[in-house]
Protein backbone atom coordinates (compact mmCIF):
# COMPACT_ATOMS: atom_id res chain seq x y z
CA UNK A 1 0.00 0.00 0.00
CA UNK A 2 2.81 2.34 0.93
CA UNK A 3 4.56 1.62 -2.39
CA UNK A 4 1.41 2.52 -4.31
CA UNK A 5 1.11 5.77 -2.37
CA UNK A 6 4.73 6.63 -3.08
CA UNK A 7 4.35 5.78 -6.79
CA UNK A 8 1.29 8.02 -6.96
CA UNK A 9 3.19 10.81 -5.22
CA UNK A 10 6.14 10.44 -7.62
CA UNK A 11 3.76 10.52 -10.60
CA UNK A 12 2.20 13.68 -9.22
CA UNK A 13 5.59 15.36 -8.91
CA UNK A 14 6.46 14.33 -12.48
CA UNK A 15 3.19 15.81 -13.82
CA UNK A 16 3.74 19.07 -11.95
CA UNK A 17 7.33 19.19 -13.24
CA UNK A 18 6.11 18.62 -16.82
CA UNK A 19 3.60 21.43 -16.37
CA UNK A 20 6.32 23.76 -15.09
CA UNK A 21 8.47 22.96 -18.13
CA UNK A 22 5.63 23.95 -20.46
CA UNK A 23 4.89 27.04 -18.36
CA UNK A 24 8.52 28.10 -18.84
CA UNK A 25 8.02 28.92 -22.53
CA UNK A 26 5.62 31.69 -21.51
CA UNK A 27 8.21 34.44 -21.13
CA UNK A 28 9.71 33.86 -24.59
CA UNK A 29 6.36 33.47 -26.35
CA UNK A 30 4.93 36.63 -24.77
CA UNK A 31 8.04 38.54 -25.85
CA UNK A 32 7.47 37.23 -29.40
CA UNK A 33 3.99 38.76 -29.64
CA UNK A 34 3.97 42.60 -29.90
CA UNK A 35 0.43 42.90 -28.52
CA UNK A 36 -0.96 44.39 -25.33
CA UNK A 37 -1.00 42.08 -22.29
CA UNK A 38 -4.80 41.81 -22.26
CA UNK A 39 -4.90 40.95 -25.98
CA UNK A 40 -2.25 38.24 -25.56
CA UNK A 41 -3.96 36.77 -22.52
CA UNK A 42 -7.38 36.89 -24.15
CA UNK A 43 -6.21 35.15 -27.33
CA UNK A 44 -4.18 32.45 -25.61
CA UNK A 45 -7.00 31.82 -23.13
CA UNK A 46 -9.54 31.41 -25.93
CA UNK A 47 -7.35 28.80 -27.62
CA UNK A 48 -6.79 27.09 -24.28
CA UNK A 49 -10.54 26.93 -23.56
CA UNK A 50 -11.15 25.22 -26.91
CA UNK A 51 -8.43 22.62 -26.26
CA UNK A 52 -9.70 22.06 -22.72
CA UNK A 53 -13.28 21.66 -23.97
CA UNK A 54 -12.15 18.83 -26.27
CA UNK A 55 -10.19 17.20 -23.44
CA UNK A 56 -13.09 17.43 -20.98
CA UNK A 57 -15.39 15.93 -23.61
CA UNK A 58 -12.97 13.05 -24.19
CA UNK A 59 -12.70 12.15 -20.51
CA UNK A 60 -16.41 12.90 -19.92
CA UNK A 61 -15.65 15.36 -17.16
CA UNK A 62 -18.56 17.61 -16.22
CA UNK A 63 -17.93 21.21 -15.18
CA UNK A 64 -18.57 21.81 -11.48
CA UNK A 65 -19.54 25.23 -10.17
CA UNK A 66 -19.28 26.01 -6.45
CA UNK A 67 -17.40 28.39 -4.15
CA UNK A 68 -14.19 26.38 -4.14
CA UNK A 69 -14.17 26.05 -7.94
CA UNK A 70 -14.90 29.74 -8.42
CA UNK A 71 -12.11 30.62 -5.97
CA UNK A 72 -9.70 28.63 -8.14
CA UNK A 73 -11.07 30.17 -11.33
CA UNK A 74 -10.62 33.73 -10.07
CA UNK A 75 -7.07 32.92 -8.92
CA UNK A 76 -6.36 31.39 -12.33
CA UNK A 77 -7.60 34.50 -14.14
CA UNK A 78 -5.55 36.75 -11.86
CA UNK A 79 -2.42 34.67 -12.37
CA UNK A 80 -2.53 34.61 -16.17
CA UNK A 81 -3.59 38.23 -16.63
CA UNK A 82 -1.13 39.73 -14.14
CA UNK A 83 1.74 37.58 -15.42
CA UNK A 84 1.16 38.79 -18.99
CA UNK A 85 1.18 42.40 -17.81
CA UNK A 86 4.30 41.92 -15.71
CA UNK A 87 6.14 40.27 -18.61
CA UNK A 88 5.55 43.37 -20.72
CA UNK A 89 6.45 45.85 -17.97
CA UNK A 90 9.62 44.25 -16.64
CA UNK A 91 12.17 41.61 -17.62
CA UNK A 92 11.09 38.00 -18.11
CA UNK A 93 13.33 36.93 -15.22
CA UNK A 94 11.78 39.50 -12.88
CA UNK A 95 8.25 38.57 -13.90
CA UNK A 96 8.56 34.83 -13.43
CA UNK A 97 10.77 34.87 -10.35
CA UNK A 98 8.67 37.39 -8.47
CA UNK A 99 5.60 35.32 -9.33
CA UNK A 100 7.32 32.52 -7.52
CA UNK A 101 6.89 34.12 -4.16
CA UNK A 102 3.85 31.79 -4.41
CA UNK A 103 5.25 29.12 -2.03
CA UNK A 104 5.38 31.73 0.73
CA UNK A 105 1.78 32.75 0.07
CA UNK A 106 0.66 29.10 -0.11
CA UNK A 107 1.90 28.54 3.43
CA UNK A 108 0.27 31.74 4.66
CA UNK A 109 -3.05 31.01 2.93
CA UNK A 110 -3.09 27.40 4.15
CA UNK A 111 -2.44 28.71 7.66
CA UNK A 112 -5.08 31.44 7.64
CA UNK A 113 -7.78 29.78 5.50
CA UNK A 114 -7.44 26.11 6.49
CA UNK A 115 -5.72 26.58 9.87
CA UNK A 116 -2.89 24.26 8.79
CA UNK A 117 0.20 25.35 10.66
CA UNK A 118 3.30 24.95 8.46
CA UNK A 119 5.76 22.25 9.44
CA UNK A 120 9.42 22.92 9.97
CA UNK A 121 10.41 21.21 6.70
CA UNK A 122 7.94 23.35 4.72
CA UNK A 123 9.24 26.55 6.27
CA UNK A 124 12.91 25.67 5.75
CA UNK A 125 12.31 24.66 2.13
CA UNK A 126 10.38 27.83 1.38
CA UNK A 127 13.10 29.97 2.96
CA UNK A 128 15.74 28.27 0.82
CA UNK A 129 13.68 28.71 -2.36
CA UNK A 130 12.89 32.30 -1.45
CA UNK A 131 16.60 32.99 -0.88
CA UNK A 132 17.25 31.85 -4.45
CA UNK A 133 14.39 33.98 -5.73
CA UNK A 134 15.80 37.00 -3.89
CA UNK A 135 19.01 36.68 -5.90
CA UNK A 136 16.96 37.22 -9.07
CA UNK A 137 14.99 39.97 -7.38
CA UNK A 138 18.03 41.94 -6.19
CA UNK A 139 19.67 41.71 -9.60
CA UNK A 140 16.49 42.38 -11.54
CA UNK A 141 15.47 45.49 -9.62
CA UNK A 142 18.40 47.31 -11.17
CA UNK A 143 17.01 46.93 -14.69
CA UNK A 144 13.31 46.12 -14.28
CA UNK A 145 10.31 48.39 -13.99
CA UNK A 146 8.94 48.72 -10.44
CA UNK A 147 5.29 48.61 -11.58
CA UNK A 148 5.99 45.37 -13.41
CA UNK A 149 7.68 43.96 -10.31
CA UNK A 150 4.70 44.80 -8.11
CA UNK A 151 2.28 43.23 -10.60
CA UNK A 152 4.47 40.11 -10.72
CA UNK A 153 4.27 39.75 -6.92
CA UNK A 154 0.47 40.11 -7.08
CA UNK A 155 0.51 37.38 -9.71
CA UNK A 156 2.38 35.26 -7.17
CA UNK A 157 -0.42 35.78 -4.64
CA UNK A 158 -2.96 34.57 -7.20
CA UNK A 159 -0.69 31.68 -8.18
CA UNK A 160 -0.71 30.50 -4.57
CA UNK A 161 -4.50 30.21 -4.86
CA UNK A 162 -4.08 28.09 -8.00
CA UNK A 163 -1.94 25.61 -6.06
CA UNK A 164 -4.69 25.39 -3.45
CA UNK A 165 -7.40 24.43 -5.97
CA UNK A 166 -7.52 20.84 -4.72
CA UNK A 167 -7.20 21.74 -1.05
CA UNK A 168 -10.97 22.07 -0.50
CA UNK A 169 -13.42 19.17 -0.27
CA UNK A 170 -15.69 20.51 -3.02
CA UNK A 171 -12.90 21.61 -5.35
CA UNK A 172 -12.46 20.49 -8.95
CA UNK A 173 -9.19 21.68 -10.49
CA UNK A 174 -10.17 21.06 -14.12
CA UNK A 175 -13.37 23.05 -13.68
CA UNK A 176 -11.41 25.92 -12.11
CA UNK A 177 -8.91 25.90 -14.97
CA UNK A 178 -11.62 25.82 -17.63
CA UNK A 179 -13.69 28.58 -16.03
CA UNK A 180 -10.62 30.66 -15.23
CA UNK A 181 -9.34 30.54 -18.79
CA UNK A 182 -12.85 31.25 -20.04
CA UNK A 183 -13.04 34.37 -17.87
CA UNK A 184 -9.62 35.47 -19.14
CA UNK A 185 -10.79 34.98 -22.73
CA UNK A 186 -13.95 37.03 -22.14
CA UNK A 187 -12.06 39.92 -20.53
CA UNK A 188 -9.25 40.05 -23.06
CA UNK A 189 -10.36 38.83 -26.49
CA UNK A 190 -11.91 42.19 -27.43
CA UNK A 191 -8.48 43.83 -27.23
CA UNK A 192 -7.22 41.57 -30.05
CA UNK A 193 -9.31 43.58 -32.53
CA UNK A 194 -7.20 46.62 -31.73
CA UNK A 195 -3.97 44.91 -32.75
CA UNK A 196 -2.39 45.27 -36.19
CA UNK A 197 0.52 42.79 -36.17
CA UNK A 198 -0.70 39.35 -37.24
CA UNK A 199 2.61 38.10 -38.60
CA UNK A 200 3.68 34.47 -38.54
CA UNK A 201 5.77 35.13 -35.43
CA UNK A 202 2.80 36.60 -33.54
CA UNK A 203 0.42 33.81 -34.52
CA UNK A 204 3.01 31.13 -33.67
CA UNK A 205 3.57 32.71 -30.27
CA UNK A 206 -0.16 32.81 -29.51
CA UNK A 207 -0.67 29.19 -30.60
CA UNK A 208 2.24 27.96 -28.48
CA UNK A 209 0.89 29.91 -25.51
CA UNK A 210 -2.69 28.70 -25.89
CA UNK A 211 -2.10 25.03 -26.69
CA UNK A 212 1.03 24.13 -24.76
CA UNK A 213 1.82 26.83 -22.20
CA UNK A 214 -1.79 26.99 -20.96
CA UNK A 215 -4.09 24.11 -21.96
CA UNK A 216 -1.76 21.10 -21.85
CA UNK A 217 0.33 22.54 -19.01
CA UNK A 218 -2.71 23.09 -16.80
CA UNK A 219 -4.07 19.62 -17.60
CA UNK A 220 -0.80 18.22 -16.27
CA UNK A 221 -0.94 20.59 -13.31
CA UNK A 222 -4.53 19.72 -12.37
CA UNK A 223 -3.73 15.99 -12.48
CA UNK A 224 -0.55 16.50 -10.49
CA UNK A 225 -2.37 18.51 -7.82
CA UNK A 226 -4.60 15.49 -7.21
CA UNK A 227 -1.55 13.56 -6.00
CA UNK A 228 0.67 16.07 -4.20
CA UNK A 229 0.14 18.84 -1.66
CA UNK A 230 -0.14 22.51 -2.60
CA UNK A 231 3.20 23.28 -0.96
CA UNK A 232 5.02 20.41 -2.71
CA UNK A 233 3.56 21.45 -6.07
CA UNK A 234 4.47 25.12 -5.63
CA UNK A 235 8.05 24.24 -4.73
CA UNK A 236 8.42 21.70 -7.56
CA UNK A 237 7.33 24.25 -10.15
CA UNK A 238 10.08 26.57 -8.95
CA UNK A 239 12.05 25.02 -11.83
CA UNK A 240 10.09 27.41 -14.07
CA UNK A 241 11.93 30.60 -13.04
CA UNK A 242 15.15 28.89 -14.09
CA UNK A 243 14.08 27.65 -17.52
CA UNK A 244 12.01 30.73 -18.39
CA UNK A 245 14.79 33.36 -18.32
CA UNK A 246 17.26 30.92 -19.88
CA UNK A 247 15.00 30.49 -22.92
CA UNK A 248 14.48 34.25 -23.15
CA UNK A 249 18.24 34.82 -22.89
CA UNK A 250 19.02 32.31 -25.64
CA UNK A 251 16.30 33.29 -28.11
CA UNK A 252 15.58 36.92 -27.18
CA UNK A 253 18.91 38.20 -25.90
CA UNK A 254 18.00 39.12 -22.31
CA UNK A 255 21.17 38.54 -20.29
CA UNK A 256 21.27 36.36 -17.18
CA UNK A 257 23.79 37.69 -14.67
CA UNK A 258 25.99 35.64 -12.29
CA UNK A 259 23.72 36.66 -9.41
CA UNK A 260 20.70 35.23 -11.22
CA UNK A 261 22.59 32.03 -11.97
CA UNK A 262 23.40 31.74 -8.27
CA UNK A 263 19.72 32.13 -7.50
CA UNK A 264 18.90 29.40 -10.01
CA UNK A 265 21.34 27.01 -8.32
CA UNK A 266 19.84 27.71 -4.89
CA UNK A 267 16.31 27.09 -6.16
CA UNK A 268 17.25 23.80 -7.84
CA UNK A 269 19.03 22.52 -4.73
CA UNK A 270 16.14 23.62 -2.54
CA UNK A 271 13.47 21.95 -4.68
CA UNK A 272 15.33 18.68 -5.20
CA UNK A 273 16.38 18.48 -1.56
CA UNK A 274 12.87 19.21 -0.31
CA UNK A 275 11.24 16.54 -2.45
CA UNK A 276 13.89 13.91 -1.67
CA UNK A 277 13.34 14.44 2.04
CA UNK A 278 9.56 14.37 1.67
CA UNK A 279 9.59 11.15 -0.37
CA UNK A 280 12.41 9.17 1.25
CA UNK A 281 12.82 10.39 4.82
CA UNK A 282 9.38 11.61 5.87
CA UNK A 283 6.83 9.10 4.42
CA UNK A 284 3.92 10.67 6.28
CA UNK A 285 4.47 13.93 4.43
CA UNK A 286 3.39 12.34 1.12
CA UNK A 287 -0.19 12.21 2.37
CA UNK A 288 -0.43 15.95 2.77
């Protein structure tokens, strides 16, 4: 029985990691599309909703609507919209790394909303990850826009809510994702008609964002969240702030400094170390 639980936990971590890898193309793809943040988010969300509708039809999953689902949907809309705005107003590294203050907010929200006091391992892991994130933050503040940085942090608050989608008894992550992306599409698609650049690069960027960076990634994420805790998921996806700026640096020319590379190393060590301890040394933690 314990082996089955551990296998399920490992599968959950793999799914969340796969989702984070797909999420990481977001910075580059958003840079590729010279549209306003709301137009980009509206277009990619519309594509995502269509892909998700097909997937939900295939697995015969009915949309659930209740307070927990709507909470997740609103957090989803806030995350995607604010991240798009931050990516346009500051560097890709700043936007994604500041969004990843989410693990800190997950612990705080779980404490205040569900009265779950954080365990020592959770706190230590979050502090290590946050230390790595601060390296990006300190370096990025010198070149980034402050408004963009603030919006990125707010996106992190919303992202924490996304990780909590399966933390409530009446929650349904897929329903939250579908409704959240639908709300994003409704609020942003009208702005697409004000855009003039519909080049191959722009269309490619939007398609990659809608199909892979949103729809497929969130399918993986929703399935992964069924098998791991919100805190484990939020820390595992901390791989995204490493891959995201690296892709932007390679294909868009934004430079990653030694300080940012140090931050990346700290985050990787923190995430891997945390999950190894959770899986191998603290079996009871896998049930959270």
